[in-house]
């Protein structure tokens, strides 16, 4: 008599295999070629730049076409792949402009960074922001599934969870980054700094799916710094310009501009 495991294994071997899934190797191929395209010479050796850029462009088109076709099979919805790819390429200049500001913000804001090359090659914050910028374009083009697949790949690689629907302006700075969560309807202004463990989240409400499409996550204005472990919740919550939120604060209502919010704990002194 077959054991429970043997029965399960026989059944498992007889299931119908789908070829609809997005392949992680295609996600990685797409992102790696995008990184080389936007940062030529930083991630691999380049002999003739014009030839290199043409090769990268062809590779990006190849991988994006494969990914979009997989999405079509999953959703049973036509995406007009070639037109979608052309639309995506038309957005690359603005993506490049934004990611260069993010790179500059990281270089200016982190005294431990010796070169921009070091940041491009090793900083998880830039990796997460770079992938988010690409995913956000596809999200705005209303491509289903793929934008989340890209940012979840970044989440697994960096520990930073940025929903592709979030709206993030220029000079965005993430230091360390592990545990950062930025929700779908978050809006972030220019020159914002986030440290590890920060959450820009939604309040947990009974309505659930009924709230889809509504503003559920906070707005963070220009020149705001949010230190490690701080949590900011709610779609009506606005953090005003030039404000600093200290570590581990819990915010569910708006904060005026030019404020500093901290938790004042008990001071401990050591006697010698």
Protein backbone atom coordinates (compact mmCIF):
# COMPACT_ATOMS: atom_id res chain seq x y z
CA UNK A 1 0.00 0.00 0.00
CA UNK A 2 1.31 3.42 -0.93
CA UNK A 3 2.24 5.80 1.85
CA UNK A 4 0.69 9.24 2.02
CA UNK A 5 3.87 10.66 0.55
CA UNK A 6 3.88 8.21 -2.37
CA UNK A 7 0.23 9.02 -3.15
CA UNK A 8 1.03 12.72 -3.04
CA UNK A 9 4.07 12.27 -5.28
CA UNK A 10 2.10 10.31 -7.91
CA UNK A 11 -0.54 13.01 -7.99
CA UNK A 12 2.11 15.72 -8.18
CA UNK A 13 3.78 14.03 -11.15
CA UNK A 14 0.49 14.02 -13.06
CA UNK A 15 -0.41 17.70 -12.73
CA UNK A 16 -0.47 19.77 -15.89
CA UNK A 17 2.63 21.93 -16.19
CA UNK A 18 2.05 25.51 -17.30
CA UNK A 19 4.59 27.41 -19.38
CA UNK A 20 2.92 30.71 -18.50
CA UNK A 21 5.14 31.64 -15.58
CA UNK A 22 7.48 34.61 -15.64
CA UNK A 23 10.97 33.16 -15.64
CA UNK A 24 13.33 34.65 -13.05
CA UNK A 25 16.23 34.30 -15.48
CA UNK A 26 14.38 36.63 -17.86
CA UNK A 27 13.73 39.13 -15.05
CA UNK A 28 17.43 39.08 -14.17
CA UNK A 29 18.49 39.33 -17.81
CA UNK A 30 16.22 42.33 -18.36
CA UNK A 31 17.43 44.15 -15.24
CA UNK A 32 21.12 43.37 -15.77
CA UNK A 33 20.99 44.74 -19.30
CA UNK A 34 19.08 47.82 -18.14
CA UNK A 35 21.79 48.44 -15.54
CA UNK A 36 24.50 48.19 -18.18
CA UNK A 37 22.50 50.45 -20.50
CA UNK A 38 22.03 53.20 -17.90
CA UNK A 39 25.48 52.85 -16.32
CA UNK A 40 27.78 51.96 -19.26
CA UNK A 41 31.31 51.20 -18.15
CA UNK A 42 30.42 50.81 -14.49
CA UNK A 43 29.25 47.20 -14.39
CA UNK A 44 31.30 45.65 -17.21
CA UNK A 45 34.12 46.52 -19.60
CA UNK A 46 33.17 48.51 -22.70
CA UNK A 47 35.32 48.60 -25.85
CA UNK A 48 33.25 50.64 -28.31
CA UNK A 49 30.45 52.49 -26.53
CA UNK A 50 28.10 52.83 -29.51
CA UNK A 51 28.27 49.08 -30.21
CA UNK A 52 27.82 48.29 -26.53
CA UNK A 53 24.71 50.48 -26.27
CA UNK A 54 23.20 48.88 -29.38
CA UNK A 55 23.84 45.40 -27.95
CA UNK A 56 22.23 46.34 -24.65
CA UNK A 57 19.22 47.86 -26.39
CA UNK A 58 18.69 44.67 -28.40
CA UNK A 59 19.01 42.54 -25.25
CA UNK A 60 16.54 44.73 -23.33
CA UNK A 61 14.04 44.45 -26.16
CA UNK A 62 14.52 40.66 -26.29
CA UNK A 63 13.99 40.10 -22.56
CA UNK A 64 11.13 42.58 -22.25
CA UNK A 65 9.34 40.93 -25.16
CA UNK A 66 9.67 37.51 -23.47
CA UNK A 67 8.37 38.90 -20.18
CA UNK A 68 5.43 40.70 -21.79
CA UNK A 69 4.44 37.59 -23.74
CA UNK A 70 4.47 35.60 -20.50
CA UNK A 71 2.19 38.22 -18.92
CA UNK A 72 -0.13 37.94 -21.92
CA UNK A 73 -0.39 34.18 -21.46
CA UNK A 74 -1.06 34.53 -17.73
CA UNK A 75 -3.69 37.26 -18.05
CA UNK A 76 -5.18 36.19 -21.41
CA UNK A 77 -4.90 39.86 -22.35
CA UNK A 78 -3.13 41.39 -25.34
CA UNK A 79 -0.48 43.96 -24.46
CA UNK A 80 0.50 44.84 -28.05
CA UNK A 81 4.05 43.95 -27.08
CA UNK A 82 5.97 45.85 -29.74
CA UNK A 83 4.04 49.06 -29.09
CA UNK A 84 4.48 48.58 -25.34
CA UNK A 85 8.22 48.10 -25.75
CA UNK A 86 8.46 51.28 -27.83
CA UNK A 87 6.54 53.16 -25.14
CA UNK A 88 8.90 51.81 -22.49
CA UNK A 89 11.98 52.94 -24.44
CA UNK A 90 10.49 56.42 -24.77
CA UNK A 91 10.46 56.64 -20.96
CA UNK A 92 14.09 55.56 -20.52
CA UNK A 93 15.50 59.14 -20.69
CA UNK A 94 13.38 60.24 -17.72
CA UNK A 95 14.30 57.07 -15.81
CA UNK A 96 17.97 57.78 -16.46
CA UNK A 97 17.61 61.40 -15.34
CA UNK A 98 15.97 60.34 -12.07
CA UNK A 99 18.35 57.49 -11.27
CA UNK A 100 21.34 59.77 -11.83
CA UNK A 101 19.91 62.14 -9.20
CA UNK A 102 19.47 59.19 -6.83
CA UNK A 103 23.08 58.18 -7.40
CA UNK A 104 24.20 61.74 -6.67
CA UNK A 105 22.09 61.87 -3.49
CA UNK A 106 23.71 58.67 -2.23
CA UNK A 107 27.19 59.91 -3.05
CA UNK A 108 26.62 63.32 -1.43
CA UNK A 109 24.85 61.89 1.61
CA UNK A 110 27.09 58.98 2.59
CA UNK A 111 30.65 59.84 3.64
CA UNK A 112 31.48 56.12 3.52
CA UNK A 113 31.02 56.14 -0.27
CA UNK A 114 34.37 56.69 -1.98
CA UNK A 115 33.21 56.58 -5.60
CA UNK A 116 29.99 56.39 -7.58
CA UNK A 117 31.19 53.09 -9.01
CA UNK A 118 31.22 51.66 -5.48
CA UNK A 119 27.59 52.74 -5.02
CA UNK A 120 26.45 51.27 -8.34
CA UNK A 121 28.16 47.96 -7.69
CA UNK A 122 27.49 47.45 -3.98
CA UNK A 123 24.73 49.62 -2.48
CA UNK A 124 21.39 47.83 -1.98
CA UNK A 125 19.60 51.17 -1.74
CA UNK A 126 20.52 52.17 -5.27
CA UNK A 127 19.69 48.68 -6.57
CA UNK A 128 16.19 48.85 -5.07
CA UNK A 129 15.58 52.40 -6.32
CA UNK A 130 16.90 51.56 -9.81
CA UNK A 131 14.58 48.56 -10.13
CA UNK A 132 11.65 50.56 -8.71
CA UNK A 133 12.20 53.32 -11.32
CA UNK A 134 11.96 50.77 -14.13
CA UNK A 135 8.99 48.96 -12.60
CA UNK A 136 7.13 52.25 -12.05
CA UNK A 137 7.24 53.00 -15.78
CA UNK A 138 5.66 49.62 -16.55
CA UNK A 139 3.11 50.18 -13.77
CA UNK A 140 2.14 53.54 -15.28
CA UNK A 141 1.83 51.83 -18.67
CA UNK A 142 -0.69 49.49 -16.96
CA UNK A 143 1.33 46.34 -17.54
CA UNK A 144 -0.02 43.75 -15.07
CA UNK A 145 2.09 41.46 -12.87
CA UNK A 146 5.53 42.34 -14.30
CA UNK A 147 6.08 45.53 -12.25
CA UNK A 148 5.48 43.60 -9.02
CA UNK A 149 7.71 40.77 -10.23
CA UNK A 150 10.54 43.27 -10.70
CA UNK A 151 10.16 44.98 -7.33
CA UNK A 152 9.73 41.66 -5.51
CA UNK A 153 12.98 40.52 -7.08
CA UNK A 154 14.54 43.69 -5.65
CA UNK A 155 12.85 42.96 -2.31
CA UNK A 156 14.44 39.53 -2.15
CA UNK A 157 17.83 40.84 -3.26
CA UNK A 158 18.00 43.91 -0.99
CA UNK A 159 15.41 43.55 1.77
CA UNK A 160 13.79 46.78 0.52
CA UNK A 161 10.10 46.59 -0.46
CA UNK A 162 8.99 49.43 -2.76
CA UNK A 163 5.63 49.02 -4.47
CA UNK A 164 5.91 49.99 -8.15
CA UNK A 165 2.85 52.22 -7.81
CA UNK A 166 4.52 54.57 -5.33
CA UNK A 167 5.39 58.04 -6.67
CA UNK A 168 8.95 59.02 -5.78
CA UNK A 169 10.60 62.24 -6.93
CA UNK A 170 14.26 62.98 -7.58
CA UNK A 171 17.30 62.67 -5.29
CA UNK A 172 15.88 59.76 -3.29
CA UNK A 173 18.28 58.41 -0.66
CA UNK A 174 18.10 55.02 1.05
CA UNK A 175 20.89 54.14 3.47
CA UNK A 176 21.41 50.50 4.51
CA UNK A 177 17.77 49.86 3.65
CA UNK A 178 16.97 46.47 5.16
CA UNK A 179 13.31 46.31 6.18
CA UNK A 180 12.13 49.47 4.40
CA UNK A 181 8.52 49.23 3.15
CA UNK A 182 6.95 51.82 0.83
CA UNK A 183 3.30 51.20 0.00
CA UNK A 184 1.47 51.52 -3.31
CA UNK A 185 -0.05 54.99 -2.86
CA UNK A 186 2.89 56.60 -1.08
CA UNK A 187 4.04 59.95 -2.49
CA UNK A 188 7.62 61.03 -1.80
CA UNK A 189 9.09 64.41 -2.68
CA UNK A 190 12.60 65.51 -3.62
CA UNK A 191 15.68 65.02 -1.43
CA UNK A 192 14.04 62.53 0.96
CA UNK A 193 16.24 60.25 3.09
CA UNK A 194 15.06 56.93 4.51
CA UNK A 195 17.05 54.66 6.81
CA UNK A 196 16.65 50.96 7.53
CA UNK A 197 13.37 49.66 8.90
CA UNK A 198 11.21 52.62 7.86
CA UNK A 199 7.59 51.84 6.95
CA UNK A 200 5.35 54.08 4.84
CA UNK A 201 2.25 51.98 5.25
CA UNK A 202 -1.54 51.78 5.30
CA UNK A 203 -3.67 51.46 8.39
CA UNK A 204 -5.22 48.00 8.73
CA UNK A 205 -8.94 48.43 8.07
CA UNK A 206 -11.83 46.00 7.69
CA UNK A 207 -12.75 47.26 4.22
CA UNK A 208 -9.81 45.44 2.59
CA UNK A 209 -10.32 45.18 -1.19
CA UNK A 210 -12.94 47.94 -1.10
CA UNK A 211 -10.09 50.39 -0.49
CA UNK A 212 -8.25 49.40 -3.67
CA UNK A 213 -7.52 52.50 -5.73
CA UNK A 214 -7.83 54.89 -2.78
CA UNK A 215 -5.00 56.86 -1.15
CA UNK A 216 -3.96 54.58 1.72
CA UNK A 217 -0.32 55.48 2.29
CA UNK A 218 1.34 58.69 3.49
CA UNK A 219 2.74 61.67 1.62
CA UNK A 220 6.30 62.77 2.43
CA UNK A 221 7.22 66.26 1.25
CA UNK A 222 10.62 67.58 0.13
CA UNK A 223 13.77 67.48 2.28
CA UNK A 224 12.43 65.03 4.87
CA UNK A 225 14.68 62.63 6.79
CA UNK A 226 13.16 59.53 8.42
CA UNK A 227 15.47 57.54 10.68
CA UNK A 228 15.58 53.81 11.33
CA UNK A 229 12.51 51.99 12.55
CA UNK A 230 10.08 54.89 12.11
CA UNK A 231 6.55 54.02 10.94
CA UNK A 232 4.21 56.40 9.14
CA UNK A 233 0.68 55.23 8.34
CA UNK A 234 -2.43 56.47 6.56
CA UNK A 235 -3.43 58.06 3.28
CA UNK A 236 -4.27 61.40 4.89
CA UNK A 237 -0.95 61.62 6.74
CA UNK A 238 1.38 64.30 5.36
CA UNK A 239 4.93 64.83 6.58
CA UNK A 240 5.76 68.47 5.91
CA UNK A 241 8.86 69.86 4.23
CA UNK A 242 12.19 69.94 6.07
CA UNK A 243 10.94 67.62 8.82
CA UNK A 244 12.95 64.99 10.65
CA UNK A 245 11.36 61.87 12.14
CA UNK A 246 13.53 60.16 14.73
CA UNK A 247 14.07 56.45 15.15
CA UNK A 248 11.08 54.27 16.10
CA UNK A 249 8.43 56.99 16.09
CA UNK A 250 4.89 55.86 15.20
CA UNK A 251 3.00 58.47 13.15
CA UNK A 252 -0.67 58.29 12.11
CA UNK A 253 -1.42 62.01 11.69
CA UNK A 254 0.18 64.83 9.75
CA UNK A 255 3.33 66.62 10.88
CA UNK A 256 3.85 70.33 10.15
CA UNK A 257 6.85 71.49 8.10
CA UNK A 258 10.19 72.19 9.78
CA UNK A 259 9.51 69.89 12.73
CA UNK A 260 11.61 67.29 14.55
CA UNK A 261 9.70 64.36 16.04
CA UNK A 262 11.46 61.99 18.45
CA UNK A 263 10.77 59.56 21.25
CA UNK A 264 12.21 60.98 24.46
CA UNK A 265 13.29 57.96 26.43
CA UNK A 266 14.65 57.79 29.95
CA UNK A 267 18.24 58.96 30.16
CA UNK A 268 20.62 56.52 31.73
CA UNK A 269 23.88 57.56 33.35
CA UNK A 270 26.74 55.35 34.32
CA UNK A 271 28.57 56.11 37.55
CA UNK A 272 32.30 55.57 37.66
